[in-house]
Amino acid sequence: MAEFSQAFAIDEKLGSIYGLKVVTRDLTYALIRLNRQQEALNYYDRAITATNNHPDLIRLRDRLMK
């Protein structure tokens, strides 16, 4: 889990849309499996903010909320 968090922080700092799409999806999947849904949503919100509301990330977050 720590590696995902570190990768997320790097991509967030760089504003890497591709990197955030990949790492956020994998990180949130792991968090949900650990029953940590709110934390997963928080990561999506951070990724969406870092990428200026990228529609792919919004779709992934919305799918997670269902």
N, C-alpha and C. Protein backbone atom coordinates (compact mmCIF):
# COMPACT_ATOMS: atom_id res chain seq x y z
N MET A 1 0.83 -1.19 0.00
CA MET A 1 0.00 0.00 0.00
C MET A 1 0.88 1.26 0.00
N ALA A 2 1.97 1.21 0.70
CA ALA A 2 2.84 2.39 0.79
C ALA A 2 3.39 2.78 -0.58
N GLU A 3 3.68 1.78 -1.42
CA GLU A 3 4.20 2.08 -2.75
C GLU A 3 3.16 2.82 -3.59
N PHE A 4 1.89 2.41 -3.48
CA PHE A 4 0.83 3.10 -4.21
C PHE A 4 0.72 4.55 -3.74
N SER A 5 0.78 4.74 -2.43
CA SER A 5 0.67 6.09 -1.89
C SER A 5 1.82 6.98 -2.36
N GLN A 6 3.02 6.41 -2.40
CA GLN A 6 4.17 7.17 -2.86
C GLN A 6 4.05 7.50 -4.35
N ALA A 7 3.61 6.53 -5.13
CA ALA A 7 3.42 6.77 -6.57
C ALA A 7 2.36 7.83 -6.79
N PHE A 8 1.29 7.77 -6.00
CA PHE A 8 0.23 8.77 -6.12
C PHE A 8 0.79 10.16 -5.83
N ALA A 9 1.57 10.29 -4.75
CA ALA A 9 2.13 11.60 -4.37
C ALA A 9 3.03 12.16 -5.47
N ILE A 10 3.81 11.29 -6.10
CA ILE A 10 4.69 11.74 -7.18
C ILE A 10 3.87 12.23 -8.37
N ASP A 11 2.89 11.41 -8.78
CA ASP A 11 2.06 11.80 -9.93
C ASP A 11 1.23 13.04 -9.62
N GLU A 12 0.78 13.15 -8.38
CA GLU A 12 0.00 14.34 -7.98
C GLU A 12 0.87 15.59 -8.10
N LYS A 13 2.09 15.49 -7.62
CA LYS A 13 3.00 16.64 -7.66
C LYS A 13 3.34 17.03 -9.10
N LEU A 14 3.50 16.01 -9.96
CA LEU A 14 3.82 16.27 -11.36
C LEU A 14 2.59 16.67 -12.18
N GLY A 15 1.42 16.39 -11.66
CA GLY A 15 0.20 16.65 -12.41
C GLY A 15 0.05 15.70 -13.59
N SER A 16 0.58 14.49 -13.44
CA SER A 16 0.55 13.50 -14.51
C SER A 16 -0.82 12.85 -14.61
N ILE A 17 -1.56 13.21 -15.63
CA ILE A 17 -2.90 12.65 -15.80
C ILE A 17 -2.82 11.14 -15.99
N TYR A 18 -1.95 10.68 -16.88
CA TYR A 18 -1.85 9.24 -17.11
C TYR A 18 -1.46 8.51 -15.83
N GLY A 19 -0.43 9.02 -15.15
CA GLY A 19 0.03 8.38 -13.92
C GLY A 19 -1.05 8.34 -12.86
N LEU A 20 -1.77 9.44 -12.70
CA LEU A 20 -2.84 9.48 -11.70
C LEU A 20 -3.99 8.55 -12.06
N LYS A 21 -4.30 8.42 -13.34
CA LYS A 21 -5.37 7.50 -13.74
C LYS A 21 -5.00 6.07 -13.37
N VAL A 22 -3.76 5.70 -13.61
CA VAL A 22 -3.32 4.33 -13.34
C VAL A 22 -3.21 4.08 -11.83
N VAL A 23 -2.47 4.92 -11.14
CA VAL A 23 -2.21 4.65 -9.73
C VAL A 23 -3.47 4.84 -8.87
N THR A 24 -4.31 5.79 -9.22
CA THR A 24 -5.53 6.01 -8.44
C THR A 24 -6.45 4.81 -8.56
N ARG A 25 -6.58 4.30 -9.77
CA ARG A 25 -7.42 3.12 -9.98
C ARG A 25 -6.91 1.94 -9.14
N ASP A 26 -5.60 1.68 -9.18
CA ASP A 26 -5.05 0.55 -8.44
C ASP A 26 -5.09 0.78 -6.93
N LEU A 27 -4.77 1.98 -6.51
CA LEU A 27 -4.78 2.31 -5.09
C LEU A 27 -6.17 2.21 -4.50
N THR A 28 -7.14 2.76 -5.20
CA THR A 28 -8.50 2.74 -4.66
C THR A 28 -9.08 1.33 -4.67
N TYR A 29 -8.70 0.52 -5.64
CA TYR A 29 -9.15 -0.87 -5.65
C TYR A 29 -8.65 -1.58 -4.39
N ALA A 30 -7.38 -1.37 -4.06
CA ALA A 30 -6.82 -1.99 -2.86
C ALA A 30 -7.52 -1.46 -1.60
N LEU A 31 -7.77 -0.17 -1.55
CA LEU A 31 -8.44 0.40 -0.38
C LEU A 31 -9.86 -0.14 -0.20
N ILE A 32 -10.56 -0.30 -1.29
CA ILE A 32 -11.92 -0.83 -1.21
C ILE A 32 -11.89 -2.27 -0.72
N ARG A 33 -10.94 -3.04 -1.17
CA ARG A 33 -10.81 -4.43 -0.70
C ARG A 33 -10.53 -4.48 0.80
N LEU A 34 -9.94 -3.40 1.32
CA LEU A 34 -9.67 -3.30 2.76
C LEU A 34 -10.81 -2.60 3.51
N ASN A 35 -11.92 -2.38 2.81
CA ASN A 35 -13.10 -1.72 3.39
C ASN A 35 -12.81 -0.28 3.82
N ARG A 36 -12.03 0.43 3.00
CA ARG A 36 -11.66 1.82 3.29
C ARG A 36 -12.17 2.72 2.16
N GLN A 37 -13.49 2.67 1.94
CA GLN A 37 -14.10 3.38 0.83
C GLN A 37 -13.91 4.89 0.90
N GLN A 38 -14.05 5.47 2.07
CA GLN A 38 -13.92 6.92 2.18
C GLN A 38 -12.51 7.38 1.81
N GLU A 39 -11.53 6.62 2.21
CA GLU A 39 -10.15 6.96 1.85
C GLU A 39 -9.96 6.86 0.33
N ALA A 40 -10.58 5.86 -0.28
CA ALA A 40 -10.51 5.71 -1.74
C ALA A 40 -11.13 6.92 -2.42
N LEU A 41 -12.28 7.36 -1.94
CA LEU A 41 -12.92 8.55 -2.51
C LEU A 41 -12.05 9.79 -2.34
N ASN A 42 -11.39 9.90 -1.20
CA ASN A 42 -10.50 11.04 -0.97
C ASN A 42 -9.37 11.08 -1.99
N TYR A 43 -8.82 9.91 -2.32
CA TYR A 43 -7.76 9.87 -3.33
C TYR A 43 -8.29 10.30 -4.69
N TYR A 44 -9.51 9.85 -5.04
CA TYR A 44 -10.08 10.29 -6.31
C TYR A 44 -10.28 11.81 -6.31
N ASP A 45 -10.76 12.35 -5.22
CA ASP A 45 -10.97 13.80 -5.16
C ASP A 45 -9.65 14.55 -5.32
N ARG A 46 -8.60 14.05 -4.70
CA ARG A 46 -7.28 14.69 -4.86
C ARG A 46 -6.79 14.60 -6.30
N ALA A 47 -6.98 13.44 -6.93
CA ALA A 47 -6.54 13.25 -8.31
C ALA A 47 -7.33 14.16 -9.25
N ILE A 48 -8.60 14.29 -9.00
CA ILE A 48 -9.44 15.16 -9.83
C ILE A 48 -9.00 16.61 -9.69
N THR A 49 -8.69 17.02 -8.49
CA THR A 49 -8.20 18.38 -8.27
C THR A 49 -6.86 18.60 -8.96
N ALA A 50 -5.96 17.63 -8.85
CA ALA A 50 -4.62 17.77 -9.43
C ALA A 50 -4.64 17.82 -10.95
N THR A 51 -5.69 17.25 -11.56
CA THR A 51 -5.77 17.21 -13.02
C THR A 51 -6.83 18.16 -13.58
N ASN A 52 -7.23 19.13 -12.77
CA ASN A 52 -8.23 20.11 -13.21
C ASN A 52 -9.51 19.46 -13.73
N ASN A 53 -10.05 18.56 -12.91
CA ASN A 53 -11.34 17.91 -13.21
C ASN A 53 -11.32 17.04 -14.46
N HIS A 54 -10.30 16.22 -14.58
CA HIS A 54 -10.21 15.34 -15.75
C HIS A 54 -11.42 14.40 -15.79
N PRO A 55 -12.12 14.34 -16.93
CA PRO A 55 -13.36 13.58 -17.00
C PRO A 55 -13.20 12.08 -16.76
N ASP A 56 -12.06 11.50 -17.14
CA ASP A 56 -11.87 10.06 -16.89
C ASP A 56 -11.83 9.77 -15.40
N LEU A 57 -11.18 10.63 -14.64
CA LEU A 57 -11.11 10.43 -13.20
C LEU A 57 -12.46 10.67 -12.54
N ILE A 58 -13.20 11.62 -13.05
CA ILE A 58 -14.54 11.85 -12.51
C ILE A 58 -15.43 10.64 -12.76
N ARG A 59 -15.34 10.06 -13.96
CA ARG A 59 -16.12 8.85 -14.26
C ARG A 59 -15.74 7.69 -13.34
N LEU A 60 -14.44 7.50 -13.12
CA LEU A 60 -13.99 6.41 -12.25
C LEU A 60 -14.48 6.63 -10.81
N ARG A 61 -14.41 7.87 -10.33
CA ARG A 61 -14.90 8.16 -8.98
C ARG A 61 -16.40 7.92 -8.88
N ASP A 62 -17.14 8.37 -9.88
CA ASP A 62 -18.59 8.20 -9.86
C ASP A 62 -18.96 6.72 -9.89
N ARG A 63 -18.21 5.93 -10.63
CA ARG A 63 -18.47 4.49 -10.67
C ARG A 63 -18.19 3.85 -9.31
N LEU A 64 -17.17 4.34 -8.64
CA LEU A 64 -16.84 3.84 -7.31
C LEU A 64 -17.94 4.14 -6.31
N MET A 65 -18.61 5.27 -6.47
CA MET A 65 -19.63 5.69 -5.52
C MET A 65 -20.94 4.91 -5.67
N LYS A 66 -21.09 4.14 -6.72
CA LYS A 66 -22.33 3.38 -6.92
C LYS A 66 -22.42 2.19 -6.01
